[in-house]
């Protein structure tokens, strides 16, 4: 699967994700693609959906975060361990999901 990613400097690129790709591995791969080969460990990703941000721990799998976003409301599930925050000062995005690289 390929995901579009936006970095803190608003640079965008496409990154490859497999079922066993962790947030840290995904961030490291993206940084290597940008030519940042030193000090590229310890990063993770943040998923933005409208005004909500879901932060992935570096060792969690990227596709776990995406699959949790696709669970229908009211479906019985366990509570997630992902960090969730809301940015209510911005206008909602048009149901577009954005991934960010986040340096820990």
N, C-alpha and C. Protein backbone atom coordinates (compact mmCIF):
# COMPACT_ATOMS: atom_id res chain seq x y z
N UNK A 1 0.84 -1.16 0.00
CA UNK A 1 0.00 0.00 0.00
C UNK A 1 0.89 1.23 0.00
N UNK A 2 0.46 2.25 -0.67
CA UNK A 2 1.19 3.51 -0.71
C UNK A 2 0.38 4.59 0.00
N UNK A 3 1.06 5.40 0.78
CA UNK A 3 0.42 6.48 1.51
C UNK A 3 1.09 7.80 1.19
N UNK A 4 0.30 8.82 1.02
CA UNK A 4 0.86 10.16 0.82
C UNK A 4 1.19 10.74 2.19
N UNK A 5 2.38 11.32 2.31
CA UNK A 5 2.88 11.83 3.58
C UNK A 5 3.25 13.30 3.41
N UNK A 6 2.96 14.10 4.44
CA UNK A 6 3.38 15.49 4.47
C UNK A 6 4.30 15.69 5.67
N UNK A 7 5.46 16.26 5.43
CA UNK A 7 6.43 16.52 6.49
C UNK A 7 6.13 17.86 7.15
N UNK A 8 6.82 18.15 8.24
CA UNK A 8 6.62 19.40 8.97
C UNK A 8 6.94 20.62 8.11
N UNK A 9 7.82 20.46 7.12
CA UNK A 9 8.15 21.57 6.23
C UNK A 9 7.23 21.62 5.00
N UNK A 10 6.10 20.91 5.07
CA UNK A 10 5.07 20.83 4.02
C UNK A 10 5.52 20.12 2.75
N UNK A 11 6.68 19.48 2.77
CA UNK A 11 7.08 18.64 1.64
C UNK A 11 6.21 17.39 1.65
N UNK A 12 5.79 16.92 0.49
CA UNK A 12 4.97 15.72 0.40
C UNK A 12 5.68 14.66 -0.41
N UNK A 13 5.36 13.42 -0.13
CA UNK A 13 5.90 12.30 -0.90
C UNK A 13 5.03 11.08 -0.65
N UNK A 14 5.24 10.04 -1.42
CA UNK A 14 4.52 8.79 -1.30
C UNK A 14 5.44 7.77 -0.63
N UNK A 15 4.92 7.07 0.37
CA UNK A 15 5.69 6.05 1.07
C UNK A 15 5.01 4.69 1.00
N UNK A 16 5.82 3.65 0.93
CA UNK A 16 5.32 2.27 0.84
C UNK A 16 5.13 1.70 2.25
N UNK A 17 3.98 1.06 2.47
CA UNK A 17 3.67 0.46 3.76
C UNK A 17 3.23 -0.98 3.54
N UNK A 18 3.76 -1.89 4.34
CA UNK A 18 3.32 -3.28 4.35
C UNK A 18 2.62 -3.56 5.67
N UNK A 19 2.04 -4.73 5.81
CA UNK A 19 1.28 -5.05 7.02
C UNK A 19 2.13 -5.01 8.29
N UNK A 20 3.42 -5.22 8.17
CA UNK A 20 4.27 -5.26 9.36
C UNK A 20 5.17 -4.03 9.47
N UNK A 21 4.85 -2.94 8.81
CA UNK A 21 5.66 -1.72 8.87
C UNK A 21 5.27 -0.90 10.10
N UNK A 22 6.25 -0.66 10.95
CA UNK A 22 5.99 0.15 12.14
C UNK A 22 6.11 1.63 11.79
N UNK A 23 5.62 2.48 12.67
CA UNK A 23 5.70 3.92 12.45
C UNK A 23 7.14 4.39 12.34
N UNK A 24 8.01 3.86 13.18
CA UNK A 24 9.42 4.24 13.14
C UNK A 24 10.09 3.80 11.84
N UNK A 25 9.80 2.58 11.39
CA UNK A 25 10.37 2.09 10.13
C UNK A 25 9.89 2.93 8.95
N UNK A 26 8.60 3.26 8.96
CA UNK A 26 8.01 4.08 7.89
C UNK A 26 8.66 5.46 7.85
N UNK A 27 8.81 6.09 9.03
CA UNK A 27 9.44 7.41 9.09
C UNK A 27 10.90 7.34 8.65
N UNK A 28 11.62 6.31 9.07
CA UNK A 28 13.03 6.16 8.68
C UNK A 28 13.16 5.99 7.17
N UNK A 29 12.30 5.19 6.58
CA UNK A 29 12.32 4.98 5.13
C UNK A 29 12.08 6.30 4.39
N UNK A 30 11.11 7.08 4.87
CA UNK A 30 10.81 8.36 4.23
C UNK A 30 11.97 9.34 4.36
N UNK A 31 12.59 9.36 5.53
CA UNK A 31 13.75 10.24 5.71
C UNK A 31 14.91 9.83 4.82
N UNK A 32 15.13 8.52 4.67
CA UNK A 32 16.18 8.05 3.75
C UNK A 32 15.88 8.49 2.33
N UNK A 33 14.61 8.43 1.94
CA UNK A 33 14.21 8.86 0.59
C UNK A 33 14.50 10.35 0.37
N UNK A 34 14.41 11.13 1.44
CA UNK A 34 14.68 12.57 1.35
C UNK A 34 16.17 12.88 1.47
N UNK A 35 16.99 11.85 1.66
CA UNK A 35 18.43 12.05 1.75
C UNK A 35 18.93 12.31 3.16
N UNK A 36 18.09 12.15 4.16
CA UNK A 36 18.49 12.34 5.55
C UNK A 36 18.86 10.99 6.14
N UNK A 37 20.10 10.58 5.96
CA UNK A 37 20.52 9.25 6.36
C UNK A 37 21.09 9.19 7.78
N UNK A 38 21.42 10.34 8.36
CA UNK A 38 21.94 10.38 9.72
C UNK A 38 20.83 10.84 10.66
N UNK A 39 20.84 10.32 11.87
CA UNK A 39 19.85 10.70 12.89
C UNK A 39 18.42 10.55 12.40
N UNK A 40 18.13 9.42 11.77
CA UNK A 40 16.79 9.21 11.23
C UNK A 40 15.99 8.19 12.04
N UNK A 41 16.43 7.86 13.23
CA UNK A 41 15.70 6.93 14.09
C UNK A 41 14.85 7.72 15.09
N UNK A 42 13.79 7.09 15.58
CA UNK A 42 12.98 7.70 16.63
C UNK A 42 11.80 8.49 16.13
N UNK A 43 11.55 8.49 14.84
CA UNK A 43 10.40 9.22 14.30
C UNK A 43 9.15 8.37 14.32
N UNK A 44 8.03 8.98 14.08
CA UNK A 44 6.77 8.26 14.01
C UNK A 44 5.84 9.03 13.08
N UNK A 45 4.60 8.61 12.99
CA UNK A 45 3.64 9.27 12.11
C UNK A 45 2.41 9.72 12.90
N UNK A 46 1.74 10.72 12.36
CA UNK A 46 0.50 11.24 12.92
C UNK A 46 -0.52 11.25 11.80
N UNK A 47 -1.69 10.70 12.04
CA UNK A 47 -2.77 10.70 11.06
C UNK A 47 -3.72 11.83 11.40
N UNK A 48 -3.99 12.69 10.42
CA UNK A 48 -4.94 13.78 10.62
C UNK A 48 -6.21 13.46 9.85
N UNK A 49 -7.33 13.50 10.55
CA UNK A 49 -8.63 13.32 9.92
C UNK A 49 -9.51 14.47 10.39
N UNK A 50 -9.86 15.34 9.47
CA UNK A 50 -10.57 16.58 9.80
C UNK A 50 -9.76 17.35 10.84
N UNK A 51 -10.31 17.53 12.02
CA UNK A 51 -9.61 18.30 13.05
C UNK A 51 -8.98 17.41 14.12
N UNK A 52 -9.03 16.11 13.95
CA UNK A 52 -8.48 15.18 14.93
C UNK A 52 -7.13 14.63 14.46
N UNK A 53 -6.22 14.47 15.41
CA UNK A 53 -4.89 13.93 15.14
C UNK A 53 -4.73 12.64 15.93
N UNK A 54 -4.26 11.59 15.27
CA UNK A 54 -4.01 10.30 15.90
C UNK A 54 -2.53 10.02 15.79
N UNK A 55 -1.85 10.02 16.93
CA UNK A 55 -0.40 9.81 16.92
C UNK A 55 -0.08 8.36 17.19
N UNK A 56 0.79 7.83 16.38
CA UNK A 56 1.20 6.43 16.45
C UNK A 56 2.51 6.34 17.22
N UNK A 57 2.59 5.44 18.18
CA UNK A 57 3.85 5.17 18.84
C UNK A 57 4.79 4.56 17.79
N UNK A 58 6.06 4.80 17.90
CA UNK A 58 7.01 4.35 16.89
C UNK A 58 6.99 2.87 16.60
N UNK A 59 6.71 2.05 17.60
CA UNK A 59 6.76 0.60 17.43
C UNK A 59 5.42 0.01 17.00
N UNK A 60 4.35 0.81 16.97
CA UNK A 60 3.04 0.32 16.51
C UNK A 60 3.00 0.28 14.98
N UNK A 61 2.12 -0.55 14.46
CA UNK A 61 2.03 -0.71 13.01
C UNK A 61 1.17 0.38 12.38
N UNK A 62 1.61 0.89 11.25
CA UNK A 62 0.92 1.97 10.55
C UNK A 62 -0.48 1.51 10.13
N UNK A 63 -0.61 0.30 9.61
CA UNK A 63 -1.90 -0.15 9.13
C UNK A 63 -2.89 -0.41 10.27
N UNK A 64 -2.42 -0.63 11.50
CA UNK A 64 -3.33 -0.73 12.64
C UNK A 64 -4.05 0.59 12.86
N UNK A 65 -3.33 1.68 12.70
CA UNK A 65 -3.93 3.00 12.86
C UNK A 65 -4.98 3.25 11.79
N UNK A 66 -4.67 2.89 10.56
CA UNK A 66 -5.62 3.09 9.47
C UNK A 66 -6.84 2.20 9.65
N UNK A 67 -6.63 0.95 10.03
CA UNK A 67 -7.77 0.05 10.18
C UNK A 67 -8.70 0.50 11.30
N UNK A 68 -8.15 1.08 12.35
CA UNK A 68 -9.00 1.57 13.43
C UNK A 68 -9.87 2.74 12.96
N UNK A 69 -9.36 3.53 12.04
CA UNK A 69 -10.14 4.65 11.51
C UNK A 69 -11.32 4.16 10.66
N UNK A 70 -11.24 2.95 10.14
CA UNK A 70 -12.27 2.43 9.25
C UNK A 70 -13.34 1.61 9.96
N UNK A 71 -13.25 1.48 11.28
CA UNK A 71 -14.25 0.73 12.04
C UNK A 71 -15.54 1.55 12.09
N UNK A 72 -16.67 0.95 11.74
CA UNK A 72 -17.94 1.69 11.78
C UNK A 72 -18.29 2.14 13.19
N UNK A 73 -18.93 3.31 13.31
CA UNK A 73 -19.36 3.76 14.64
C UNK A 73 -20.31 2.75 15.27
N UNK A 74 -20.20 2.56 16.55
CA UNK A 74 -21.07 1.63 17.26
C UNK A 74 -20.62 0.18 17.20
N UNK A 75 -19.56 -0.11 16.45
CA UNK A 75 -19.04 -1.47 16.38
C UNK A 75 -18.28 -1.77 17.66
N UNK A 76 -18.54 -2.91 18.32
CA UNK A 76 -17.88 -3.19 19.60
C UNK A 76 -16.39 -3.48 19.41
N UNK A 77 -15.56 -2.64 20.00
CA UNK A 77 -14.10 -2.79 19.91
C UNK A 77 -13.47 -2.43 21.24
N UNK A 78 -12.22 -2.80 21.41
CA UNK A 78 -11.45 -2.38 22.58
C UNK A 78 -10.98 -0.94 22.36
N UNK A 79 -10.76 -0.23 23.43
CA UNK A 79 -10.26 1.15 23.31
C UNK A 79 -8.85 1.12 22.76
N UNK A 80 -8.54 2.09 21.91
CA UNK A 80 -7.21 2.14 21.28
C UNK A 80 -6.17 2.70 22.24
N UNK A 81 -4.92 2.45 21.91
CA UNK A 81 -3.81 2.98 22.68
C UNK A 81 -3.21 4.19 21.99
N UNK A 82 -3.78 4.60 20.86
CA UNK A 82 -3.22 5.72 20.11
C UNK A 82 -3.53 7.04 20.82
N UNK A 83 -2.62 7.98 20.70
CA UNK A 83 -2.83 9.30 21.29
C UNK A 83 -3.71 10.10 20.35
N UNK A 84 -4.81 10.66 20.88
CA UNK A 84 -5.75 11.40 20.07
C UNK A 84 -5.85 12.82 20.61
N UNK A 85 -5.77 13.80 19.70
CA UNK A 85 -5.97 15.18 20.09
C UNK A 85 -6.77 15.88 19.00
N UNK A 86 -7.39 16.97 19.36
CA UNK A 86 -8.20 17.73 18.41
C UNK A 86 -7.67 19.14 18.31
N UNK A 87 -7.69 19.66 17.10
CA UNK A 87 -7.26 21.02 16.83
C UNK A 87 -8.48 21.78 16.37
N UNK A 88 -9.19 22.37 17.28
CA UNK A 88 -10.48 23.00 16.98
C UNK A 88 -10.35 24.41 16.44
N UNK A 89 -9.14 24.95 16.31
CA UNK A 89 -8.99 26.30 15.77
C UNK A 89 -8.93 26.31 14.26
N UNK A 90 -8.86 25.15 13.63
CA UNK A 90 -8.80 25.07 12.18
C UNK A 90 -10.14 24.66 11.61
N UNK A 91 -10.36 25.00 10.36
CA UNK A 91 -11.54 24.55 9.64
C UNK A 91 -11.36 23.07 9.32
N UNK A 92 -12.43 22.27 9.33
CA UNK A 92 -12.31 20.85 8.99
C UNK A 92 -11.82 20.65 7.56
N UNK A 93 -10.99 19.66 7.38
CA UNK A 93 -10.56 19.28 6.03
C UNK A 93 -11.72 18.56 5.36
N UNK A 94 -11.68 18.46 4.08
CA UNK A 94 -12.77 17.82 3.34
C UNK A 94 -12.62 16.30 3.37
N UNK A 95 -12.72 15.73 4.57
CA UNK A 95 -12.62 14.28 4.78
C UNK A 95 -11.37 13.68 4.15
N UNK A 96 -10.30 14.41 4.21
CA UNK A 96 -9.03 13.94 3.65
C UNK A 96 -8.13 13.56 4.81
N UNK A 97 -7.47 12.44 4.69
CA UNK A 97 -6.55 11.99 5.72
C UNK A 97 -5.13 12.36 5.31
N UNK A 98 -4.39 12.94 6.22
CA UNK A 98 -3.01 13.31 5.97
C UNK A 98 -2.11 12.63 6.99
N UNK A 99 -0.99 12.15 6.53
CA UNK A 99 0.00 11.57 7.42
C UNK A 99 1.13 12.55 7.56
N UNK A 100 1.63 12.70 8.77
CA UNK A 100 2.74 13.59 9.04
C UNK A 100 3.87 12.79 9.62
N UNK A 101 5.08 13.19 9.29
CA UNK A 101 6.24 12.65 9.96
C UNK A 101 6.42 13.46 11.22
N UNK A 102 6.64 12.80 12.32
CA UNK A 102 6.83 13.47 13.61
C UNK A 102 8.11 12.97 14.23
N UNK A 103 9.01 13.87 14.56
CA UNK A 103 10.27 13.46 15.17
C UNK A 103 10.11 13.44 16.67
N UNK A 104 10.40 12.30 17.26
CA UNK A 104 10.24 12.15 18.72
C UNK A 104 11.47 12.60 19.44
